Amino acid sequence: MVFSNIFFIYCFLPVFLLLYFFIPGKTAKDIILIAGSLVFYAWGNPIYLVLMVFSAGFNYYMGMDIDDAETEPSRKGRLIFAVIINLLILCFFKYYGFLLDNISSLTGVSIAHPELDLPIGISFYTFKNLSYIFDVYTARIYSQRSFLIYGVYSTMFPHMTAGPIVRYGEIEDQLYERQISIPRLGIGAEYFIKGLTKKVLISDNLAGIYEPIFQSAGQIPVLTAWIGILAYTFKIYFDFSGYSDMAIGLGKMLGFDFQKNFDYPYISGSITEFWRRWHISLGSWFRDYIYIPLGGNRVSTPKHIRNILIVWALTGLWHGASWNFVLWGVYYGIILLIEKFLLANFLDTIPEICRRIYTFLLVMIGWVFFSQTSFPAILRYFGAMFGPGARGFVNSTTLYYFKTAVVLFVISFLTCGPGLQNRFKRLMKNTPLIAVVLDIILLCLCTASLVYNSYSPFLYQQF
């Protein structure tokens, strides 16, 4: 089940909220939240429900086991065991086919293997549970002794399938006591509608522009290639940030405050700043649990470079079992190293608009690595963008795509920065009735679009 779905919006969510709000007692609400989350997760492929429940139970037990260990070697051994089990499960379901295919390519020996469906949200809930284990080991938090409370944290459906990656310490107090009220419900609904609008009215319509361009990448002019990757650049932002906004809104409805996952990344003045604004919860996870334990920047320059490249190769691999994702991660690692060691002072001297254009162009190029799933496809698309593989500079089809996309591009440009959001906040403060009416109109437009158009999946869910 996904949030941008008629059944979820008008059937599952209203029934769930009625039960959650009107059944008295926190324990009963926790049971309803876990039960609702299990139904939500099992809707698409119920067989993988066992995997998610096992992950919750295993990490709940290992958290207590680490806490109860009497010696440091024992604590470390139990931590290593917990990490290995979590990563084995993740790697088996997400990477075993990729590994066998690469072994086949290297050895020339064909290794047949069944294609497994990727369990929805496995990367997110594995990293969430791992962060709990790491934090227990480092004594940032105490282990949770109630399986009911830990089950709420581990299985909660708002951030289960696509983040943000919520850490136990961020919502620990709310797991014990949380505010549930009509005002919070309204605030959550506003967040949800904002995210739904991004996903349905902007992102889904952008897909109709870039998909046919990507499919004919070897036979398009230069300008068409740039229109395609620009559409994808906006598409992936509105798709993922919209889903994150919906998750944050659902959390608020249930009494939880999740940290924001996006902070207008396309207004960044450097790639370094971009990654402080894009997928914030993932970036902070790799920083705290990989980069800093490796030594961070408190090591020699060669080791510092090593640490950055390791983190970004793993960041790329986290997104999917394909070498193009690794290449995408290393691409950003190299740019971050260049900015840190060569461009730091220079970037501060040029006008802000130039810094933003520089960053946006590099991000667009990065999305070519991300969107094209093979090295030949990557080279073919770059060839179309920069001329060697293009069919001229512009043709009649280019003009058609431009006319189709121009309104969406203007809307995307205006809404990927904070300007319109700040105006809406002032509207909410000064004339809340108009803001509510606007939200209702947006919800109706989203509903009409969902009814009229064919199903458009959440793009980031496959990663």
Protein backbone atom coordinates (compact mmCIF):
# COMPACT_ATOMS: atom_id res chain seq x y z
CA MET A 1 0.00 0.00 0.00
CA VAL A 2 1.20 3.52 -0.76
CA PHE A 3 0.05 6.87 0.62
CA SER A 4 -0.89 8.28 -2.80
CA ASN A 5 -3.71 5.81 -3.27
CA ILE A 6 -7.47 6.31 -3.20
CA PHE A 7 -8.01 3.29 -0.96
CA PHE A 8 -5.42 4.47 1.55
CA ILE A 9 -6.69 8.07 1.68
CA TYR A 10 -10.42 7.39 1.83
CA CYS A 11 -10.70 3.91 3.36
CA PHE A 12 -7.68 2.73 5.34
CA LEU A 13 -6.64 6.05 6.89
CA PRO A 14 -10.10 7.24 8.08
CA VAL A 15 -10.93 3.86 9.66
CA PHE A 16 -7.51 3.64 11.28
CA LEU A 17 -7.68 7.21 12.67
CA LEU A 18 -11.18 6.67 14.08
CA LEU A 19 -10.01 3.58 15.95
CA TYR A 20 -6.77 5.25 17.07
CA PHE A 21 -8.48 8.41 18.34
CA PHE A 22 -11.50 6.93 20.05
CA ILE A 23 -10.17 3.76 21.65
CA PRO A 24 -9.12 4.91 25.13
CA GLY A 25 -5.79 4.19 26.78
CA LYS A 26 -2.25 4.40 25.46
CA THR A 27 -1.72 0.62 25.45
CA ALA A 28 -4.80 0.12 23.29
CA LYS A 29 -3.64 2.86 20.92
CA ASP A 30 -0.23 1.19 20.64
CA ILE A 31 -1.90 -2.12 19.77
CA ILE A 32 -4.05 -0.39 17.13
CA LEU A 33 -0.96 1.33 15.70
CA ILE A 34 0.98 -1.93 15.43
CA ALA A 35 -2.02 -3.80 13.98
CA GLY A 36 -2.68 -1.03 11.46
CA SER A 37 0.99 -0.97 10.51
CA LEU A 38 1.04 -4.73 9.93
CA VAL A 39 -2.05 -4.51 7.71
CA PHE A 40 -0.51 -1.60 5.80
CA TYR A 41 2.77 -3.43 5.26
CA ALA A 42 1.17 -6.78 4.38
CA TRP A 43 -1.22 -5.28 1.83
CA GLY A 44 1.10 -5.63 -1.17
CA ASN A 45 3.05 -8.80 -0.32
CA PRO A 46 2.01 -10.41 2.98
CA ILE A 47 4.75 -13.06 2.92
CA TYR A 48 7.38 -10.45 3.80
CA LEU A 49 5.46 -9.45 6.91
CA VAL A 50 7.28 -12.30 8.67
CA LEU A 51 10.60 -10.68 7.79
CA MET A 52 9.64 -7.30 9.25
CA VAL A 53 8.24 -8.86 12.45
CA PHE A 54 11.39 -10.96 12.83
CA SER A 55 13.56 -7.85 12.42
CA ALA A 56 11.58 -6.08 15.16
CA GLY A 57 11.72 -9.03 17.54
CA PHE A 58 15.38 -9.83 16.91
CA ASN A 59 16.59 -6.25 17.43
CA TYR A 60 14.37 -5.83 20.51
CA TYR A 61 16.00 -8.90 22.06
CA MET A 62 19.53 -7.93 20.99
CA GLY A 63 19.14 -4.44 22.45
CA MET A 64 18.41 -5.94 25.87
CA ASP A 65 21.14 -8.54 25.42
CA ILE A 66 23.76 -5.87 24.68
CA ASP A 67 22.59 -3.79 27.65
CA ASP A 68 22.76 -6.80 29.98
CA ALA A 69 26.27 -7.86 28.96
CA GLU A 70 28.69 -7.53 31.86
CA THR A 71 31.97 -7.01 29.98
CA GLU A 72 32.98 -4.87 27.02
CA PRO A 73 34.16 -7.84 24.90
CA SER A 74 30.78 -9.46 25.48
CA ARG A 75 28.93 -6.26 24.52
CA LYS A 76 31.03 -5.88 21.38
CA GLY A 77 30.53 -9.52 20.39
CA ARG A 78 26.77 -9.21 20.73
CA LEU A 79 26.80 -5.97 18.73
CA ILE A 80 28.78 -7.61 15.93
CA PHE A 81 26.37 -10.57 15.90
CA ALA A 82 23.34 -8.25 15.67
CA VAL A 83 24.91 -6.22 12.87
CA ILE A 84 25.84 -9.34 10.90
CA ILE A 85 22.32 -10.80 11.11
CA ASN A 86 20.73 -7.51 10.06
CA LEU A 87 23.11 -7.05 7.14
CA LEU A 88 22.83 -10.69 6.03
CA ILE A 89 19.05 -10.34 5.75
CA LEU A 90 19.34 -7.03 3.90
CA CYS A 91 22.08 -8.27 1.56
CA PHE A 92 20.32 -11.55 0.79
CA PHE A 93 17.07 -9.96 -0.31
CA LYS A 94 18.59 -6.88 -1.93
CA TYR A 95 22.01 -7.88 -3.26
CA TYR A 96 22.37 -11.64 -3.66
CA GLY A 97 21.22 -11.61 -7.30
CA PHE A 98 23.55 -8.69 -8.01
CA LEU A 99 26.45 -10.57 -6.40
CA LEU A 100 25.80 -13.79 -8.33
CA ASP A 101 25.45 -11.91 -11.62
CA ASN A 102 28.81 -10.24 -11.06
CA ILE A 103 30.44 -13.56 -10.17
CA SER A 104 29.02 -14.99 -13.38
CA SER A 105 30.42 -12.07 -15.38
CA LEU A 106 33.88 -12.42 -13.85
CA THR A 107 34.16 -16.21 -14.07
CA GLY A 108 32.15 -16.88 -17.20
CA VAL A 109 30.19 -19.50 -15.27
CA SER A 110 26.42 -19.01 -15.47
CA ILE A 111 24.84 -19.16 -12.02
CA ALA A 112 21.08 -19.50 -12.20
CA HIS A 113 19.10 -17.95 -9.37
CA PRO A 114 15.46 -17.05 -8.76
CA GLU A 115 14.46 -13.41 -8.89
CA LEU A 116 13.23 -12.31 -5.47
CA ASP A 117 10.83 -9.42 -5.00
CA LEU A 118 12.47 -6.71 -2.90
CA PRO A 119 10.66 -6.46 0.45
CA ILE A 120 9.15 -2.97 0.63
CA GLY A 121 10.99 -0.72 3.05
CA ILE A 122 13.66 -3.28 4.01
CA SER A 123 16.48 -0.73 3.66
CA PHE A 124 14.64 1.77 5.85
CA TYR A 125 13.56 -0.52 8.67
CA THR A 126 16.92 -2.32 8.71
CA PHE A 127 18.79 0.98 9.10
CA LYS A 128 16.26 2.13 11.70
CA ASN A 129 16.76 -1.01 13.78
CA LEU A 130 20.54 -0.87 13.32
CA SER A 131 20.60 2.71 14.62
CA TYR A 132 18.79 1.47 17.74
CA ILE A 133 21.37 -1.30 18.26
CA PHE A 134 24.30 1.10 17.76
CA ASP A 135 22.80 3.67 20.14
CA VAL A 136 22.22 1.05 22.83
CA TYR A 137 25.82 -0.13 22.49
CA THR A 138 27.22 3.41 22.75
CA ALA A 139 24.90 4.17 25.71
CA ARG A 140 23.12 6.99 23.90
CA ILE A 141 19.89 5.28 24.89
CA TYR A 142 18.78 2.50 27.22
CA SER A 143 17.33 -0.66 25.69
CA GLN A 144 13.55 -0.84 25.53
CA ARG A 145 12.12 -3.52 27.84
CA SER A 146 8.57 -3.43 26.50
CA PHE A 147 8.12 -5.27 23.23
CA LEU A 148 4.87 -3.37 22.66
CA ILE A 149 6.67 -0.02 22.76
CA TYR A 150 9.57 -1.23 20.66
CA GLY A 151 7.09 -2.74 18.22
CA VAL A 152 5.47 0.68 17.78
CA TYR A 153 8.87 2.17 16.97
CA SER A 154 9.99 -0.61 14.65
CA THR A 155 6.81 -1.21 12.65
CA MET A 156 5.11 2.22 12.61
CA PHE A 157 3.71 2.57 9.08
CA PRO A 158 4.14 6.33 8.40
CA HIS A 159 7.90 6.04 7.94
CA MET A 160 8.13 2.31 7.26
CA THR A 161 8.31 2.15 3.47
CA ALA A 162 10.27 5.27 2.55
CA GLY A 163 11.58 7.06 5.60
CA PRO A 164 12.60 9.35 7.02
CA ILE A 165 14.91 7.00 8.94
CA VAL A 166 13.62 7.79 12.43
CA ARG A 167 15.97 7.01 15.32
CA TYR A 168 14.69 5.66 18.59
CA GLY A 169 16.17 8.51 20.63
CA GLU A 170 14.36 11.10 18.52
CA ILE A 171 10.91 9.83 19.50
CA GLU A 172 11.60 7.95 22.75
CA ASP A 173 9.57 10.35 24.90
CA GLN A 174 6.69 10.24 22.41
CA LEU A 175 6.64 6.46 22.53
CA TYR A 176 5.75 6.76 26.21
CA GLU A 177 3.52 9.81 26.08
CA ARG A 178 2.29 11.73 23.05
CA GLN A 179 -0.17 14.49 22.36
CA ILE A 180 -3.16 13.50 20.25
CA SER A 181 -5.49 16.35 19.45
CA ILE A 182 -7.65 17.93 16.76
CA PRO A 183 -5.16 20.80 16.17
CA ARG A 184 -2.32 18.31 15.63
CA LEU A 185 -4.58 16.32 13.32
CA GLY A 186 -5.12 19.50 11.28
CA ILE A 187 -1.40 20.28 11.12
CA GLY A 188 -0.68 16.71 10.07
CA ALA A 189 -3.39 16.84 7.40
CA GLU A 190 -1.85 20.03 5.99
CA TYR A 191 1.57 18.33 5.77
CA PHE A 192 -0.01 15.27 4.17
CA ILE A 193 -1.89 17.28 1.54
CA LYS A 194 1.25 19.28 0.73
CA GLY A 195 3.18 16.04 0.18
CA LEU A 196 0.32 14.46 -1.79
CA THR A 197 0.23 17.52 -4.05
CA LYS A 198 3.95 17.23 -4.72
CA LYS A 199 3.61 13.54 -5.54
CA VAL A 200 0.39 13.48 -7.55
CA LEU A 201 0.09 16.87 -9.24
CA ILE A 202 3.76 17.56 -9.95
CA SER A 203 5.87 14.39 -9.77
CA ASP A 204 3.48 12.02 -11.53
CA ASN A 205 2.98 14.45 -14.41
CA LEU A 206 6.73 14.96 -14.83
CA ALA A 207 7.08 11.20 -15.43
CA GLY A 208 5.20 11.60 -18.71
CA ILE A 209 7.97 13.90 -19.94
CA TYR A 210 11.17 12.09 -19.07
CA GLU A 211 10.09 8.46 -19.61
CA PRO A 212 9.71 8.60 -23.43
CA ILE A 213 12.89 10.67 -23.69
CA PHE A 214 14.86 8.11 -21.66
CA GLN A 215 13.50 5.28 -23.81
CA SER A 216 14.84 6.89 -27.00
CA ALA A 217 18.08 8.30 -25.55
CA GLY A 218 20.22 7.23 -28.53
CA GLN A 219 18.05 9.08 -31.06
CA ILE A 220 17.35 12.49 -29.54
CA PRO A 221 18.77 16.00 -29.95
CA VAL A 222 20.83 17.75 -27.28
CA LEU A 223 18.04 19.99 -26.00
CA THR A 224 15.63 17.05 -25.72
CA ALA A 225 18.14 15.20 -23.55
CA TRP A 226 18.44 18.20 -21.22
CA ILE A 227 14.64 18.52 -21.03
CA GLY A 228 14.47 14.82 -20.06
CA ILE A 229 17.04 14.99 -17.28
CA LEU A 230 15.56 18.28 -15.98
CA ALA A 231 12.15 16.59 -15.75
CA TYR A 232 13.73 13.66 -13.89
CA THR A 233 15.59 16.05 -11.57
CA PHE A 234 12.35 17.69 -10.50
CA LYS A 235 10.46 14.38 -10.56
CA ILE A 236 12.67 12.58 -8.06
CA TYR A 237 12.68 15.55 -5.68
CA PHE A 238 8.91 16.00 -5.62
CA ASP A 239 8.36 12.25 -5.51
CA PHE A 240 10.61 11.63 -2.51
CA SER A 241 10.14 14.89 -0.60
CA GLY A 242 6.40 14.62 -1.16
CA TYR A 243 6.36 11.13 0.33
CA SER A 244 8.48 12.35 3.26
CA ASP A 245 6.03 15.21 3.87
CA MET A 246 3.15 12.75 3.87
CA ALA A 247 5.02 10.56 6.38
CA ILE A 248 5.72 13.55 8.65
CA GLY A 249 2.07 14.59 8.40
CA LEU A 250 0.83 11.11 9.30
CA GLY A 251 3.24 11.09 12.24
CA LYS A 252 1.79 14.36 13.52
CA MET A 253 -1.73 12.97 13.25
CA LEU A 254 -0.63 10.10 15.50
CA GLY A 255 1.18 12.31 18.01
CA PHE A 256 4.77 11.94 16.73
CA ASP A 257 7.18 14.60 15.52
CA PHE A 258 9.58 13.28 12.88
CA GLN A 259 12.58 15.30 11.74
CA LYS A 260 12.35 16.87 8.28
CA ASN A 261 14.03 14.88 5.53
CA PHE A 262 14.43 17.63 2.91
CA ASP A 263 15.31 21.29 3.28
CA TYR A 264 14.94 22.76 -0.23
CA PRO A 265 18.10 21.07 -1.60
CA TYR A 266 17.86 22.62 -5.06
CA ILE A 267 18.66 26.09 -3.71
CA SER A 268 22.05 24.87 -2.43
CA GLY A 269 25.21 26.78 -3.26
CA SER A 270 27.49 23.73 -3.24
CA ILE A 271 27.30 19.96 -3.36
CA THR A 272 28.35 19.93 0.28
CA GLU A 273 25.32 22.04 1.14
CA PHE A 274 23.11 19.96 -1.14
CA TRP A 275 23.83 16.83 0.88
CA ARG A 276 23.03 18.65 4.10
CA ARG A 277 19.58 19.33 2.63
CA TRP A 278 18.80 16.15 0.64
CA HIS A 279 17.61 12.95 2.38
CA ILE A 280 18.82 14.35 5.69
CA SER A 281 18.06 11.25 7.75
CA LEU A 282 20.14 8.99 5.48
CA GLY A 283 23.06 11.42 5.35
CA SER A 284 23.14 11.75 9.13
CA TRP A 285 22.91 7.94 9.49
CA PHE A 286 26.01 7.35 7.37
CA ARG A 287 27.81 10.21 9.11
CA ASP A 288 27.14 8.94 12.65
CA TYR A 289 27.45 5.18 12.11
CA ILE A 290 30.01 4.85 9.30
CA TYR A 291 31.98 8.06 8.69
CA ILE A 292 32.70 9.04 12.31
CA PRO A 293 33.57 5.47 13.46
CA LEU A 294 36.05 5.30 10.55
CA GLY A 295 37.70 8.40 11.98
CA GLY A 296 35.81 11.11 10.10
CA ASN A 297 38.07 14.07 9.37
CA ARG A 298 40.18 13.57 12.52
CA VAL A 299 42.67 11.44 10.64
CA SER A 300 45.39 11.95 8.06
CA THR A 301 44.41 13.37 4.68
CA PRO A 302 44.72 10.02 2.83
CA LYS A 303 42.50 8.32 5.42
CA HIS A 304 40.05 11.22 5.31
CA ILE A 305 39.78 10.78 1.53
CA ARG A 306 39.36 7.03 2.05
CA ASN A 307 36.57 7.60 4.58
CA ILE A 308 34.63 9.90 2.26
CA LEU A 309 34.91 7.53 -0.70
CA ILE A 310 33.84 4.52 1.41
CA VAL A 311 30.82 6.35 2.78
CA TRP A 312 29.70 7.55 -0.63
CA ALA A 313 30.22 4.20 -2.34
CA LEU A 314 28.05 2.63 0.39
CA THR A 315 25.51 5.44 0.06
CA GLY A 316 25.22 4.65 -3.63
CA LEU A 317 24.99 0.91 -3.04
CA TRP A 318 22.28 1.46 -0.40
CA HIS A 319 20.05 2.85 -3.14
CA GLY A 320 20.10 -0.30 -5.21
CA ALA A 321 21.89 -3.44 -6.37
CA SER A 322 23.49 -2.00 -9.48
CA TRP A 323 26.87 -0.52 -10.36
CA ASN A 324 25.30 2.71 -11.60
CA PHE A 325 24.29 3.52 -8.01
CA VAL A 326 27.84 2.88 -6.79
CA LEU A 327 29.12 5.13 -9.57
CA TRP A 328 26.57 7.78 -8.55
CA GLY A 329 27.80 7.63 -4.95
CA VAL A 330 31.49 7.79 -5.91
CA TYR A 331 30.70 10.72 -8.25
CA TYR A 332 29.43 12.70 -5.28
CA GLY A 333 32.32 11.56 -3.10
CA ILE A 334 34.81 12.92 -5.64
CA ILE A 335 32.96 16.23 -5.98
CA LEU A 336 32.83 16.64 -2.20
CA LEU A 337 36.58 16.01 -2.02
CA ILE A 338 37.19 18.59 -4.77
CA GLU A 339 35.03 21.14 -2.96
CA LYS A 340 36.75 20.50 0.35
CA PHE A 341 40.35 20.56 -0.81
CA LEU A 342 40.28 22.74 -3.95
CA LEU A 343 37.15 24.87 -4.28
CA ALA A 344 36.25 25.82 -0.69
CA ASN A 345 37.61 29.37 -0.84
CA PHE A 346 36.72 29.91 -4.50
CA LEU A 347 33.03 29.08 -4.07
CA ASP A 348 32.75 31.67 -1.30
CA THR A 349 33.93 34.41 -3.67
CA ILE A 350 31.46 33.96 -6.53
CA PRO A 351 27.87 35.29 -6.60
CA GLU A 352 25.19 33.15 -4.98
CA ILE A 353 23.28 32.67 -8.24
CA CYS A 354 26.43 31.24 -9.86
CA ARG A 355 26.93 28.85 -6.95
CA ARG A 356 23.33 27.66 -7.27
CA ILE A 357 23.63 27.12 -11.03
CA TYR A 358 26.92 25.23 -10.54
CA THR A 359 25.31 22.98 -7.92
CA PHE A 360 22.11 22.37 -9.88
CA LEU A 361 24.02 21.40 -13.03
CA LEU A 362 26.19 18.92 -11.11
CA VAL A 363 23.09 17.44 -9.47
CA MET A 364 21.42 17.04 -12.89
CA ILE A 365 24.51 15.24 -14.17
CA GLY A 366 24.42 13.04 -11.07
CA TRP A 367 20.86 12.01 -11.82
CA VAL A 368 22.03 10.61 -15.18
CA PHE A 369 24.15 8.06 -13.28
CA PHE A 370 21.20 7.35 -10.99
CA SER A 371 18.50 6.97 -13.65
CA GLN A 372 20.37 4.98 -16.30
CA THR A 373 20.84 1.40 -15.12
CA SER A 374 23.85 0.35 -17.21
CA PHE A 375 27.16 1.86 -18.29
CA PRO A 376 26.21 1.85 -22.01
CA ALA A 377 22.95 3.65 -21.17
CA ILE A 378 24.85 6.22 -19.08
CA LEU A 379 27.32 6.89 -21.91
CA ARG A 380 24.50 7.05 -24.45
CA TYR A 381 22.62 9.66 -22.44
CA PHE A 382 25.71 11.77 -21.79
CA GLY A 383 26.42 11.55 -25.49
CA ALA A 384 22.97 12.96 -26.21
CA MET A 385 23.38 15.73 -23.59
CA PHE A 386 26.80 16.89 -24.75
CA GLY A 387 26.63 16.29 -28.47
CA PRO A 388 28.63 13.26 -29.68
CA GLY A 389 25.65 10.90 -29.56
CA ALA A 390 22.92 13.44 -30.30
CA ARG A 391 20.73 13.80 -33.39
CA GLY A 392 21.32 17.53 -33.79
CA PHE A 393 20.53 20.22 -31.28
CA VAL A 394 16.75 20.59 -31.59
CA ASN A 395 13.88 19.21 -33.68
CA SER A 396 10.09 19.36 -33.79
CA THR A 397 9.79 16.73 -31.03
CA THR A 398 11.96 18.90 -28.80
CA LEU A 399 9.55 21.78 -29.23
CA TYR A 400 6.65 19.47 -28.39
CA TYR A 401 8.35 18.35 -25.17
CA PHE A 402 9.19 21.93 -24.29
CA LYS A 403 5.60 23.13 -24.80
CA THR A 404 4.35 20.17 -22.75
CA ALA A 405 6.83 20.72 -19.94
CA VAL A 406 7.20 24.47 -19.65
CA VAL A 407 4.28 25.02 -17.24
CA LEU A 408 5.34 22.09 -15.06
CA PHE A 409 8.94 23.33 -15.06
CA VAL A 410 7.86 26.79 -13.93
CA ILE A 411 5.70 25.30 -11.17
CA SER A 412 8.54 22.99 -10.14
CA PHE A 413 11.04 25.84 -10.08
CA LEU A 414 8.77 27.99 -7.93
CA THR A 415 7.88 25.23 -5.48
CA CYS A 416 11.31 23.68 -4.95
CA GLY A 417 12.35 26.76 -2.97
CA PRO A 418 10.95 28.16 0.30
CA GLY A 419 9.14 31.17 -1.19
CA LEU A 420 5.67 29.68 -1.75
CA GLN A 421 5.84 27.69 1.49
CA ASN A 422 6.63 30.83 3.49
CA ARG A 423 3.71 32.61 1.81
CA PHE A 424 1.40 29.74 2.75
CA LYS A 425 2.59 29.85 6.37
CA ARG A 426 1.75 33.56 6.51
CA LEU A 427 -1.62 32.77 4.96
CA MET A 428 -2.25 30.13 7.62
CA LYS A 429 -1.40 32.63 10.32
CA ASN A 430 -3.34 35.61 8.97
CA THR A 431 -6.31 34.01 7.17
CA PRO A 432 -6.52 30.34 8.20
CA LEU A 433 -9.91 29.83 6.56
CA ILE A 434 -8.49 30.61 3.10
CA ALA A 435 -5.59 28.25 3.77
CA VAL A 436 -8.02 25.46 4.72
CA VAL A 437 -10.07 26.06 1.58
CA LEU A 438 -6.88 25.93 -0.49
CA ASP A 439 -5.94 22.61 1.13
CA ILE A 440 -9.38 21.19 0.34
CA ILE A 441 -9.07 22.31 -3.29
CA LEU A 442 -5.63 20.68 -3.56
CA LEU A 443 -6.97 17.46 -2.03
CA CYS A 444 -9.84 17.43 -4.53
CA LEU A 445 -7.45 18.01 -7.44
CA CYS A 446 -5.20 15.19 -6.21
CA THR A 447 -8.20 12.89 -5.86
CA ALA A 448 -9.40 13.71 -9.35
CA SER A 449 -5.92 13.05 -10.72
CA LEU A 450 -5.66 9.70 -8.90
CA VAL A 451 -9.07 8.64 -10.23
CA TYR A 452 -8.38 9.79 -13.78
CA ASN A 453 -4.78 8.69 -14.25
CA SER A 454 -3.31 5.22 -14.12
CA TYR A 455 -1.37 4.09 -11.07
CA SER A 456 2.02 5.80 -10.69
CA PRO A 457 4.28 4.07 -8.16
CA PHE A 458 6.48 5.78 -5.62
CA LEU A 459 9.78 6.06 -7.53
CA TYR A 460 12.11 5.87 -4.52
CA GLN A 461 10.38 2.75 -3.16
CA GLN A 462 12.39 0.57 -5.57
CA PHE A 463 15.65 1.82 -4.06
